[in-house]
C-alpha atoms as a PDB file:
ATOM      1  CA  MET A   1     -51.897  29.827 207.374  1.00  0.00           C
ATOM      2  CA  THR A   2     -54.359  32.726 207.266  1.00  0.00           C
ATOM      3  CA  LYS A   3     -53.594  35.471 204.767  1.00  0.00           C
ATOM      4  CA  TYR A   4     -54.599  38.975 205.773  1.00  0.00           C
ATOM      5  CA  SER A   5     -55.491  42.119 203.878  1.00  0.00           C
ATOM      6  CA  LEU A   6     -55.727  45.690 205.117  1.00  0.00           C
ATOM      7  CA  VAL A   7     -59.121  47.367 205.424  1.00  0.00           C
ATOM      8  CA  GLY A   8     -59.875  50.945 206.366  1.00  0.00           C
ATOM      9  CA  ASP A   9     -62.804  53.225 207.118  1.00  0.00           C
ATOM     10  CA  VAL A  10     -61.807  56.889 206.897  1.00  0.00           C
ATOM     11  CA  GLY A  11     -64.044  59.750 207.994  1.00  0.00           C
ATOM     12  CA  GLY A  12     -63.574  63.445 208.459  1.00  0.00           C
ATOM     13  CA  THR A  13     -62.225  63.005 211.994  1.00  0.00           C
ATOM     14  CA  ASN A  14     -61.127  59.425 212.559  1.00  0.00           C
ATOM     15  CA  CYS A  15     -59.379  56.743 210.546  1.00  0.00           C
ATOM     16  CA  ARG A  16     -60.131  53.115 211.439  1.00  0.00           C
ATOM     17  CA  LEU A  17     -57.803  50.400 210.182  1.00  0.00           C
ATOM     18  CA  ALA A  18     -57.907  46.630 210.639  1.00  0.00           C
ATOM     19  CA  LEU A  19     -56.834  43.293 209.230  1.00  0.00           C
ATOM     20  CA  CYS A  20     -59.280  41.163 207.249  1.00  0.00           C
ATOM     21  CA  ALA A  21     -58.834  37.397 206.925  1.00  0.00           C
ATOM     22  CA  LEU A  22     -59.200  36.715 203.214  1.00  0.00           C
ATOM     23  CA  ASP A  23     -60.656  33.240 203.705  1.00  0.00           C
ATOM     24  CA  SER A  24     -63.464  34.200 206.107  1.00  0.00           C
ATOM     25  CA  GLY A  25     -63.788  37.985 206.024  1.00  0.00           C
ATOM     26  CA  GLU A  26     -63.242  38.156 209.783  1.00  0.00           C
ATOM     27  CA  ILE A  27     -62.030  41.549 211.028  1.00  0.00           C
ATOM     28  CA  SER A  28     -59.307  41.760 213.680  1.00  0.00           C
ATOM     29  CA  GLN A  29     -56.701  44.116 215.171  1.00  0.00           C
ATOM     30  CA  ALA A  30     -58.914  47.162 214.606  1.00  0.00           C
ATOM     31  CA  GLN A  31     -57.395  50.482 215.663  1.00  0.00           C
ATOM     32  CA  THR A  32     -58.738  54.028 215.491  1.00  0.00           C
ATOM     33  CA  PHE A  33     -56.454  56.967 214.710  1.00  0.00           C
ATOM     34  CA  SER A  34     -57.187  60.671 214.804  1.00  0.00           C
ATOM     35  CA  GLY A  35     -56.823  62.158 211.354  1.00  0.00           C
ATOM     36  CA  LEU A  36     -55.574  65.352 212.961  1.00  0.00           C
ATOM     37  CA  ASP A  37     -52.403  63.591 214.116  1.00  0.00           C
ATOM     38  CA  PHE A  38     -51.135  62.688 210.635  1.00  0.00           C
ATOM     39  CA  ASP A  39     -50.212  64.667 207.529  1.00  0.00           C
ATOM     40  CA  SER A  40     -51.565  62.024 205.164  1.00  0.00           C
ATOM     41  CA  LEU A  41     -53.588  58.837 204.991  1.00  0.00           C
ATOM     42  CA  GLU A  42     -50.492  57.044 203.729  1.00  0.00           C
ATOM     43  CA  ALA A  43     -48.652  57.934 206.938  1.00  0.00           C
ATOM     44  CA  VAL A  44     -51.426  56.405 209.075  1.00  0.00           C
ATOM     45  CA  VAL A  45     -51.502  53.219 207.005  1.00  0.00           C
ATOM     46  CA  ARG A  46     -47.723  52.895 207.113  1.00  0.00           C
ATOM     47  CA  GLN A  47     -47.634  53.203 210.911  1.00  0.00           C
ATOM     48  CA  TYR A  48     -50.428  50.660 211.318  1.00  0.00           C
ATOM     49  CA  LEU A  49     -48.852  48.092 209.000  1.00  0.00           C
ATOM     50  CA  GLU A  50     -45.472  48.421 210.698  1.00  0.00           C
ATOM     51  CA  SER A  51     -47.125  47.623 214.033  1.00  0.00           C
ATOM     52  CA  GLN A  52     -48.886  44.488 212.732  1.00  0.00           C
ATOM     53  CA  HIS A  53     -45.888  42.570 211.341  1.00  0.00           C
ATOM     54  CA  GLN A  54     -48.013  40.962 208.625  1.00  0.00           C
ATOM     55  CA  ASP A  55     -47.185  40.485 204.960  1.00  0.00           C
ATOM     56  CA  VAL A  56     -50.083  42.473 203.477  1.00  0.00           C
ATOM     57  CA  GLU A  57     -50.432  42.702 199.690  1.00  0.00           C
ATOM     58  CA  ASP A  58     -54.096  43.677 199.282  1.00  0.00           C
ATOM     59  CA  ALA A  59     -56.018  46.591 200.747  1.00  0.00           C
ATOM     60  CA  CYS A  60     -59.409  48.276 200.553  1.00  0.00           C
ATOM     61  CA  ILE A  61     -60.019  51.667 202.101  1.00  0.00           C
ATOM     62  CA  ALA A  62     -63.470  53.216 202.399  1.00  0.00           C
ATOM     63  CA  ILE A  63     -63.449  56.982 202.541  1.00  0.00           C
ATOM     64  CA  ALA A  64     -66.096  59.637 203.165  1.00  0.00           C
ATOM     65  CA  CYS A  65     -66.084  61.397 199.793  1.00  0.00           C
ATOM     66  CA  PRO A  66     -66.998  60.709 196.158  1.00  0.00           C
ATOM     67  CA  ILE A  67     -64.486  58.470 194.345  1.00  0.00           C
ATOM     68  CA  THR A  68     -64.403  59.504 190.693  1.00  0.00           C
ATOM     69  CA  GLY A  69     -60.879  58.619 189.572  1.00  0.00           C
ATOM     70  CA  ASP A  70     -57.288  58.214 190.698  1.00  0.00           C
ATOM     71  CA  TRP A  71     -57.142  61.498 192.614  1.00  0.00           C
ATOM     72  CA  VAL A  72     -59.021  61.480 195.915  1.00  0.00           C
ATOM     73  CA  ALA A  73     -59.659  64.689 197.870  1.00  0.00           C
ATOM     74  CA  MET A  74     -61.611  64.370 201.102  1.00  0.00           C
ATOM     75  CA  THR A  75     -64.621  66.613 201.589  1.00  0.00           C
ATOM     76  CA  ASN A  76     -64.198  67.224 205.322  1.00  0.00           C
ATOM     77  CA  HIS A  77     -60.425  66.817 205.664  1.00  0.00           C
ATOM     78  CA  THR A  78     -57.252  68.192 204.098  1.00  0.00           C
ATOM     79  CA  TRP A  79     -56.044  64.754 202.982  1.00  0.00           C
ATOM     80  CA  ALA A  80     -55.718  64.269 199.222  1.00  0.00           C
ATOM     81  CA  PHE A  81     -53.798  61.568 197.346  1.00  0.00           C
ATOM     82  CA  SER A  82     -53.292  59.521 194.194  1.00  0.00           C
ATOM     83  CA  ILE A  83     -54.500  55.934 194.573  1.00  0.00           C
ATOM     84  CA  ALA A  84     -51.816  54.630 192.209  1.00  0.00           C
ATOM     85  CA  GLU A  85     -49.058  56.525 194.015  1.00  0.00           C
ATOM     86  CA  MET A  86     -50.139  55.335 197.455  1.00  0.00           C
ATOM     87  CA  LYS A  87     -50.357  51.764 196.202  1.00  0.00           C
ATOM     88  CA  LYS A  88     -46.793  51.999 194.898  1.00  0.00           C
ATOM     89  CA  ASN A  89     -45.403  53.718 197.993  1.00  0.00           C
ATOM     90  CA  LEU A  90     -46.905  51.120 200.330  1.00  0.00           C
ATOM     91  CA  GLY A  91     -45.733  48.198 198.184  1.00  0.00           C
ATOM     92  CA  LEU A  92     -49.248  46.835 197.663  1.00  0.00           C
ATOM     93  CA  GLN A  93     -50.226  44.517 194.828  1.00  0.00           C
ATOM     94  CA  HIS A  94     -53.868  45.563 194.969  1.00  0.00           C
ATOM     95  CA  LEU A  95     -55.468  48.698 196.434  1.00  0.00           C
ATOM     96  CA  GLU A  96     -59.170  49.551 196.224  1.00  0.00           C
ATOM     97  CA  VAL A  97     -60.438  52.944 197.415  1.00  0.00           C
ATOM     98  CA  ILE A  98     -64.209  53.125 197.658  1.00  0.00           C
ATOM     99  CA  ASN A  99     -66.923  55.413 199.019  1.00  0.00           C
ATOM    100  CA  ASP A 100     -67.714  54.845 202.694  1.00  0.00           C
ATOM    101  CA  PHE A 101     -71.328  53.906 202.001  1.00  0.00           C
ATOM    102  CA  THR A 102     -70.249  51.482 199.299  1.00  0.00           C
ATOM    103  CA  ALA A 103     -68.406  49.706 202.100  1.00  0.00           C
ATOM    104  CA  VAL A 104     -71.321  49.878 204.525  1.00  0.00           C
ATOM    105  CA  SER A 105     -73.678  48.470 201.887  1.00  0.00           C
ATOM    106  CA  MET A 106     -71.260  45.612 201.156  1.00  0.00           C
ATOM    107  CA  ALA A 107     -71.420  44.667 204.833  1.00  0.00           C
ATOM    108  CA  ILE A 108     -75.070  43.625 204.467  1.00  0.00           C
ATOM    109  CA  PRO A 109     -74.361  40.091 203.111  1.00  0.00           C
ATOM    110  CA  MET A 110     -71.862  39.587 205.946  1.00  0.00           C
ATOM    111  CA  LEU A 111     -74.136  40.577 208.826  1.00  0.00           C
ATOM    112  CA  LYS A 112     -75.477  38.025 211.302  1.00  0.00           C
ATOM    113  CA  PRO A 113     -78.957  38.201 212.866  1.00  0.00           C
ATOM    114  CA  SER A 114     -77.286  39.369 216.077  1.00  0.00           C
ATOM    115  CA  ASP A 115     -75.939  42.405 214.177  1.00  0.00           C
ATOM    116  CA  LEU A 116     -79.442  43.647 213.307  1.00  0.00           C
ATOM    117  CA  LEU A 117     -82.474  45.082 215.075  1.00  0.00           C
ATOM    118  CA  GLN A 118     -85.712  44.915 213.052  1.00  0.00           C
ATOM    119  CA  PHE A 119     -88.376  47.626 212.868  1.00  0.00           C
ATOM    120  CA  GLY A 120     -91.470  46.172 211.243  1.00  0.00           C
ATOM    121  CA  GLY A 121     -92.046  44.333 208.012  1.00  0.00           C
ATOM    122  CA  LYS A 122     -91.509  40.643 207.324  1.00  0.00           C
ATOM    123  CA  SER A 123     -88.400  38.781 206.140  1.00  0.00           C
ATOM    124  CA  PRO A 124     -86.188  40.070 203.308  1.00  0.00           C
ATOM    125  CA  LEU A 125     -86.721  38.386 199.937  1.00  0.00           C
ATOM    126  CA  GLU A 126     -83.672  36.643 198.522  1.00  0.00           C
ATOM    127  CA  GLY A 127     -82.312  38.213 195.344  1.00  0.00           C
ATOM    128  CA  LYS A 128     -84.231  41.481 195.750  1.00  0.00           C
ATOM    129  CA  PRO A 129     -82.524  44.892 196.016  1.00  0.00           C
ATOM    130  CA  ALA A 130     -81.648  46.388 199.385  1.00  0.00           C
ATOM    131  CA  VAL A 131     -80.862  49.941 200.421  1.00  0.00           C
ATOM    132  CA  ILE A 132     -78.849  51.382 203.255  1.00  0.00           C
ATOM    133  CA  TYR A 133     -78.851  54.892 204.655  1.00  0.00           C
ATOM    134  CA  GLY A 134     -77.359  56.475 207.690  1.00  0.00           C
ATOM    135  CA  ALA A 135     -77.293  59.750 209.538  1.00  0.00           C
ATOM    136  CA  GLY A 136     -74.056  60.911 211.106  1.00  0.00           C
ATOM    137  CA  THR A 137     -72.018  63.966 210.220  1.00  0.00           C
ATOM    138  CA  GLY A 138     -73.888  63.758 206.910  1.00  0.00           C
ATOM    139  CA  LEU A 139     -76.486  61.474 205.314  1.00  0.00           C
ATOM    140  CA  GLY A 140     -75.174  58.532 203.289  1.00  0.00           C
ATOM    141  CA  VAL A 141     -77.153  56.366 200.879  1.00  0.00           C
ATOM    142  CA  ALA A 142     -76.331  53.296 198.774  1.00  0.00           C
ATOM    143  CA  HIS A 143     -78.377  50.580 197.091  1.00  0.00           C
ATOM    144  CA  LEU A 144     -77.275  46.956 196.816  1.00  0.00           C
ATOM    145  CA  ILE A 145     -78.251  44.355 194.227  1.00  0.00           C
ATOM    146  CA  HIS A 146     -77.224  40.738 193.654  1.00  0.00           C
ATOM    147  CA  ALA A 147     -76.513  39.560 190.102  1.00  0.00           C
ATOM    148  CA  ASP A 148     -74.479  36.710 188.611  1.00  0.00           C
ATOM    149  CA  GLN A 149     -73.204  35.620 192.049  1.00  0.00           C
ATOM    150  CA  ARG A 150     -71.878  39.106 192.773  1.00  0.00           C
ATOM    151  CA  TRP A 151     -73.022  41.870 195.073  1.00  0.00           C
ATOM    152  CA  LEU A 152     -73.091  45.222 193.322  1.00  0.00           C
ATOM    153  CA  SER A 153     -73.198  48.412 195.360  1.00  0.00           C
ATOM    154  CA  LEU A 154     -74.818  51.416 193.716  1.00  0.00           C
ATOM    155  CA  PRO A 155     -73.506  54.442 195.593  1.00  0.00           C
ATOM    156  CA  GLY A 156     -74.628  57.990 195.022  1.00  0.00           C
ATOM    157  CA  GLU A 157     -75.290  61.260 196.791  1.00  0.00           C
ATOM    158  CA  GLY A 158     -78.856  60.486 197.790  1.00  0.00           C
ATOM    159  CA  GLY A 159     -78.525  62.450 201.001  1.00  0.00           C
ATOM    160  CA  HIS A 160     -78.524  65.669 198.975  1.00  0.00           C
ATOM    161  CA  VAL A 161     -81.935  65.243 197.353  1.00  0.00           C
ATOM    162  CA  ASP A 162     -84.541  67.892 198.202  1.00  0.00           C
ATOM    163  CA  PHE A 163     -86.213  67.640 201.586  1.00  0.00           C
ATOM    164  CA  ALA A 164     -89.848  66.728 200.893  1.00  0.00           C
ATOM    165  CA  PRO A 165     -92.198  67.901 203.686  1.00  0.00           C
ATOM    166  CA  ASN A 166     -95.465  66.053 204.120  1.00  0.00           C
ATOM    167  CA  SER A 167     -97.278  67.895 206.921  1.00  0.00           C
ATOM    168  CA  GLU A 168     -98.007  71.461 207.993  1.00  0.00           C
ATOM    169  CA  GLU A 169     -95.316  71.206 210.672  1.00  0.00           C
ATOM    170  CA  GLU A 170     -92.746  70.026 208.116  1.00  0.00           C
ATOM    171  CA  ASP A 171     -93.871  72.803 205.731  1.00  0.00           C
ATOM    172  CA  SER A 172     -93.059  75.387 208.399  1.00  0.00           C
ATOM    173  CA  ILE A 173     -89.680  73.759 209.043  1.00  0.00           C
ATOM    174  CA  LEU A 174     -88.836  73.947 205.346  1.00  0.00           C
ATOM    175  CA  GLU A 175     -89.914  77.582 205.104  1.00  0.00           C
ATOM    176  CA  GLN A 176     -87.774  78.560 208.091  1.00  0.00           C
ATOM    177  CA  LEU A 177     -84.675  76.666 206.938  1.00  0.00           C
ATOM    178  CA  ARG A 178     -84.987  77.955 203.379  1.00  0.00           C
ATOM    179  CA  THR A 179     -84.690  81.535 204.651  1.00  0.00           C
ATOM    180  CA  GLU A 180     -81.476  80.609 206.471  1.00  0.00           C
ATOM    181  CA  ILE A 181     -79.615  78.262 204.117  1.00  0.00           C
ATOM    182  CA  GLY A 182     -81.343  78.368 200.731  1.00  0.00           C
ATOM    183  CA  HIS A 183     -81.533  74.845 199.311  1.00  0.00           C
ATOM    184  CA  VAL A 184     -82.744  72.412 201.976  1.00  0.00           C
ATOM    185  CA  SER A 185     -81.567  68.880 201.291  1.00  0.00           C
ATOM    186  CA  ALA A 186     -82.500  65.800 203.297  1.00  0.00           C
ATOM    187  CA  GLU A 187     -79.024  65.916 204.841  1.00  0.00           C
ATOM    188  CA  ARG A 188     -79.779  69.359 206.273  1.00  0.00           C
ATOM    189  CA  ILE A 189     -82.231  67.564 208.563  1.00  0.00           C
ATOM    190  CA  LEU A 190     -81.160  63.912 208.772  1.00  0.00           C
ATOM    191  CA  SER A 191     -77.700  64.377 210.288  1.00  0.00           C
ATOM    192  CA  GLY A 192     -76.117  65.628 213.487  1.00  0.00           C
ATOM    193  CA  PRO A 193     -76.126  69.241 212.269  1.00  0.00           C
ATOM    194  CA  GLY A 194     -79.591  68.580 210.839  1.00  0.00           C
ATOM    195  CA  LEU A 195     -80.956  67.708 214.260  1.00  0.00           C
ATOM    196  CA  VAL A 196     -79.782  71.124 215.446  1.00  0.00           C
ATOM    197  CA  ASN A 197     -81.396  72.697 212.370  1.00  0.00           C
ATOM    198  CA  LEU A 198     -84.691  71.060 213.307  1.00  0.00           C
ATOM    199  CA  TYR A 199     -84.512  72.342 216.860  1.00  0.00           C
ATOM    200  CA  ARG A 200     -83.645  75.871 215.756  1.00  0.00           C
ATOM    201  CA  ALA A 201     -86.410  75.937 213.130  1.00  0.00           C
ATOM    202  CA  ILE A 202     -89.023  74.741 215.627  1.00  0.00           C
ATOM    203  CA  VAL A 203     -88.082  77.440 218.146  1.00  0.00           C
ATOM    204  CA  LYS A 204     -87.841  80.213 215.540  1.00  0.00           C
ATOM    205  CA  THR A 205     -91.210  79.265 214.054  1.00  0.00           C
ATOM    206  CA  ASP A 206     -92.657  79.923 217.504  1.00  0.00           C
ATOM    207  CA  GLN A 207     -91.041  83.400 217.406  1.00  0.00           C
ATOM    208  CA  ARG A 208     -88.499  82.535 220.096  1.00  0.00           C
ATOM    209  CA  GLN A 209     -84.706  82.576 220.228  1.00  0.00           C
ATOM    210  CA  PRO A 210     -83.000  79.148 220.135  1.00  0.00           C
ATOM    211  CA  GLU A 211     -80.154  78.118 222.411  1.00  0.00           C
ATOM    212  CA  ASN A 212     -76.720  77.368 220.962  1.00  0.00           C
ATOM    213  CA  TYR A 213     -76.966  73.577 221.264  1.00  0.00           C
ATOM    214  CA  ALA A 214     -74.754  70.854 219.778  1.00  0.00           C
ATOM    215  CA  PRO A 215     -76.411  67.674 218.401  1.00  0.00           C
ATOM    216  CA  LYS A 216     -75.627  65.720 221.565  1.00  0.00           C
ATOM    217  CA  ASP A 217     -77.313  68.466 223.619  1.00  0.00           C
ATOM    218  CA  VAL A 218     -80.535  68.195 221.603  1.00  0.00           C
ATOM    219  CA  THR A 219     -80.574  64.413 222.041  1.00  0.00           C
ATOM    220  CA  ARG A 220     -79.812  64.550 225.764  1.00  0.00           C
ATOM    221  CA  LEU A 221     -82.379  67.248 226.494  1.00  0.00           C
ATOM    222  CA  ALA A 222     -85.024  65.451 224.422  1.00  0.00           C
ATOM    223  CA  LEU A 223     -84.592  62.383 226.618  1.00  0.00           C
ATOM    224  CA  GLU A 224     -84.899  64.672 229.656  1.00  0.00           C
ATOM    225  CA  ASP A 225     -88.274  65.900 228.339  1.00  0.00           C
ATOM    226  CA  ASN A 226     -87.221  69.339 227.131  1.00  0.00           C
ATOM    227  CA  LEU A 227     -90.246  70.126 224.959  1.00  0.00           C
ATOM    228  CA  ASP A 228     -88.477  71.832 222.036  1.00  0.00           C
ATOM    229  CA  CYS A 229     -85.764  69.196 221.816  1.00  0.00           C
ATOM    230  CA  ARG A 230     -88.280  66.392 222.137  1.00  0.00           C
ATOM    231  CA  ARG A 231     -90.282  67.869 219.251  1.00  0.00           C
ATOM    232  CA  ALA A 232     -87.092  68.048 217.188  1.00  0.00           C
ATOM    233  CA  LEU A 233     -86.096  64.454 217.923  1.00  0.00           C
ATOM    234  CA  SER A 234     -89.627  63.174 217.266  1.00  0.00           C
ATOM    235  CA  LEU A 235     -89.685  64.961 213.929  1.00  0.00           C
ATOM    236  CA  PHE A 236     -86.220  63.612 213.108  1.00  0.00           C
ATOM    237  CA  CYS A 237     -87.518  60.045 213.566  1.00  0.00           C
ATOM    238  CA  VAL A 238     -90.587  60.702 211.415  1.00  0.00           C
ATOM    239  CA  ILE A 239     -88.540  62.236 208.597  1.00  0.00           C
ATOM    240  CA  MET A 240     -86.100  59.305 208.819  1.00  0.00           C
ATOM    241  CA  GLY A 241     -89.112  57.079 208.192  1.00  0.00           C
ATOM    242  CA  ARG A 242     -90.406  59.130 205.263  1.00  0.00           C
ATOM    243  CA  PHE A 243     -86.966  59.221 203.656  1.00  0.00           C
ATOM    244  CA  GLY A 244     -86.487  55.464 204.109  1.00  0.00           C
ATOM    245  CA  GLY A 245     -89.875  54.818 202.538  1.00  0.00           C
ATOM    246  CA  ASN A 246     -88.893  56.954 199.548  1.00  0.00           C
ATOM    247  CA  LEU A 247     -85.710  54.908 199.108  1.00  0.00           C
ATOM    248  CA  ALA A 248     -87.684  51.671 199.302  1.00  0.00           C
ATOM    249  CA  LEU A 249     -90.042  52.882 196.569  1.00  0.00           C
ATOM    250  CA  ASN A 250     -87.190  53.893 194.277  1.00  0.00           C
ATOM    251  CA  MET A 251     -85.942  50.343 193.681  1.00  0.00           C
ATOM    252  CA  GLY A 252     -88.497  48.055 195.334  1.00  0.00           C
ATOM    253  CA  THR A 253     -86.093  47.133 198.104  1.00  0.00           C
ATOM    254  CA  PHE A 254     -87.751  43.916 199.273  1.00  0.00           C
ATOM    255  CA  GLY A 255     -84.271  42.770 200.254  1.00  0.00           C
ATOM    256  CA  GLY A 256     -84.562  45.174 203.174  1.00  0.00           C
ATOM    257  CA  VAL A 257     -83.893  48.728 204.242  1.00  0.00           C
ATOM    258  CA  TYR A 258     -80.896  49.122 206.536  1.00  0.00           C
ATOM    259  CA  ILE A 259     -80.037  52.019 208.837  1.00  0.00           C
ATOM    260  CA  ALA A 260     -76.409  52.733 209.725  1.00  0.00           C
ATOM    261  CA  GLY A 261     -74.666  55.726 211.263  1.00  0.00           C
ATOM    262  CA  GLY A 262     -73.934  56.812 214.786  1.00  0.00           C
ATOM    263  CA  ILE A 263     -76.987  58.914 215.632  1.00  0.00           C
ATOM    264  CA  VAL A 264     -79.963  56.546 216.030  1.00  0.00           C
ATOM    265  CA  PRO A 265     -78.267  54.201 218.568  1.00  0.00           C
ATOM    266  CA  ARG A 266     -77.936  57.176 220.939  1.00  0.00           C
ATOM    267  CA  PHE A 267     -81.699  57.251 221.486  1.00  0.00           C
ATOM    268  CA  LEU A 268     -82.737  53.715 220.613  1.00  0.00           C
ATOM    269  CA  GLU A 269     -85.671  53.374 223.012  1.00  0.00           C
ATOM    270  CA  PHE A 270     -87.026  56.751 221.893  1.00  0.00           C
ATOM    271  CA  PHE A 271     -86.682  55.646 218.260  1.00  0.00           C
ATOM    272  CA  LYS A 272     -88.552  52.393 218.922  1.00  0.00           C
ATOM    273  CA  ALA A 273     -91.511  54.331 220.329  1.00  0.00           C
ATOM    274  CA  SER A 274     -91.449  57.049 217.664  1.00  0.00           C
ATOM    275  CA  GLY A 275     -93.495  57.501 214.502  1.00  0.00           C
ATOM    276  CA  PHE A 276     -90.678  56.105 212.348  1.00  0.00           C
ATOM    277  CA  ARG A 277     -92.379  52.983 210.999  1.00  0.00           C
ATOM    278  CA  ALA A 278     -95.742  54.659 210.459  1.00  0.00           C
ATOM    279  CA  ALA A 279     -94.002  57.407 208.474  1.00  0.00           C
ATOM    280  CA  PHE A 280     -92.049  54.783 206.500  1.00  0.00           C
ATOM    281  CA  GLU A 281     -95.323  53.230 205.319  1.00  0.00           C
ATOM    282  CA  ASP A 282     -97.188  56.546 204.882  1.00  0.00           C
ATOM    283  CA  LYS A 283     -97.206  56.537 201.070  1.00  0.00           C
ATOM    284  CA  GLY A 284    -100.906  56.817 200.291  1.00  0.00           C
ATOM    285  CA  ARG A 285    -101.926  54.246 197.692  1.00  0.00           C
ATOM    286  CA  PHE A 286     -98.586  52.446 198.136  1.00  0.00           C
ATOM    287  CA  LYS A 287     -98.870  51.823 201.869  1.00  0.00           C
ATOM    288  CA  ASP A 288     -99.585  48.129 201.261  1.00  0.00           C
ATOM    289  CA  TYR A 289     -96.547  47.931 198.967  1.00  0.00           C
ATOM    290  CA  LEU A 290     -94.265  48.994 201.810  1.00  0.00           C
ATOM    291  CA  ARG A 291     -95.948  47.133 204.657  1.00  0.00           C
ATOM    292  CA  ASP A 292     -93.924  43.907 204.275  1.00  0.00           C
ATOM    293  CA  ILE A 293     -90.526  45.518 203.615  1.00  0.00           C
ATOM    294  CA  PRO A 294     -88.317  45.030 206.690  1.00  0.00           C
ATOM    295  CA  VAL A 295     -86.251  47.841 208.152  1.00  0.00           C
ATOM    296  CA  TYR A 296     -83.150  47.017 210.181  1.00  0.00           C
ATOM    297  CA  LEU A 297     -80.834  49.021 212.378  1.00  0.00           C
ATOM    298  CA  ILE A 298     -77.263  47.746 212.031  1.00  0.00           C
ATOM    299  CA  THR A 299     -75.795  47.161 215.486  1.00  0.00           C
ATOM    300  CA  HIS A 300     -72.419  45.784 214.320  1.00  0.00           C
ATOM    301  CA  ASP A 301     -69.737  48.136 215.643  1.00  0.00           C
ATOM    302  CA  GLN A 302     -67.625  48.281 212.456  1.00  0.00           C
ATOM    303  CA  PRO A 303     -69.791  47.768 209.348  1.00  0.00           C
ATOM    304  CA  GLY A 304     -67.476  49.933 207.227  1.00  0.00           C
ATOM    305  CA  LEU A 305     -64.489  47.684 207.908  1.00  0.00           C
ATOM    306  CA  LEU A 306     -66.572  44.532 207.446  1.00  0.00           C
ATOM    307  CA  GLY A 307     -67.894  45.819 204.110  1.00  0.00           C
ATOM    308  CA  ALA A 308     -64.478  46.964 202.900  1.00  0.00           C
ATOM    309  CA  GLY A 309     -63.268  43.422 203.494  1.00  0.00           C
ATOM    310  CA  ALA A 310     -66.226  41.970 201.598  1.00  0.00           C
ATOM    311  CA  TYR A 311     -65.652  44.348 198.691  1.00  0.00           C
ATOM    312  CA  LEU A 312     -61.961  43.424 198.527  1.00  0.00           C
ATOM    313  CA  ARG A 313     -62.566  39.688 198.741  1.00  0.00           C
ATOM    314  CA  GLN A 314     -65.124  39.858 195.941  1.00  0.00           C
ATOM    315  CA  SER A 315     -62.811  42.021 193.801  1.00  0.00           C
ATOM    316  CA  ILE A 316     -60.147  39.290 193.849  1.00  0.00           C
ATOM    317  CA  GLY A 317     -62.637  36.645 192.726  1.00  0.00           C
ATOM    318  CA  MET A 318     -64.113  35.250 195.924  1.00  0.00           C
ATOM    319  CA  ILE A 319     -67.837  34.549 196.293  1.00  0.00           C
ATOM    320  CA  ILE A 320     -69.315  36.128 199.434  1.00  0.00           C
END
């Protein structure tokens, strides 16, 4: 009889919960809840478990904020809780709460070829580090290494490093954004709000007044050949490439560079034809170093849940 655990992927708006088969890691019974409809994460979990009629003892929940101890306070939500208290209240034997990009990185060993779309490079080298990054509401980053038959995720706040321009156009973007927001991190550009920042900076640099667009407007209009929005989206792809190349250099990620997040799939054909890969390899004397490193877009629809399951299974002694 299959034993199930609970897995979750909690963002600033939505909370996704599912069951994970402990023997195989297979995800099932996934449901998405609006975080606005519940006073606490515990209330969402309780409702979900009551609907599943499964004897669940183990759980792993990935959440979009730093995890530094027992007390968890979400960055973009009012939810805050004690891990130990929630574990007790829900009657769980084992509860892991991890960063959302820790979970996404732990999905990498579980992904099938059909879950990936490759952008250049050769095949990943077994045993070498990998890195994953993704643009959505923010910019997440995590590295992944394999040691002593265990996958170790190295999360951090890499999305908040300084934006590093590498062209006159990018210099002007930085200058414009610095006057508006002060410190310009990579996330200020490589995210949904960042795409709007790019558009606004391009228009203002030309001494014009930008429209009040949302990220989806910039993407849609770029695909309809609006010149300003197309420039913004093209630059977004190039900077995604530069940033990914920087990550690859940091740890020699010959195990692959992986892109997650909800933004890139919205303009996939545009991305394929963009300057992404050329910018990824544009590292001067180290261009040859990066040439063979593969870059993949994750097309699996729930990598956070898949990775939370992998993390949990490994934490209870299973080899994945």
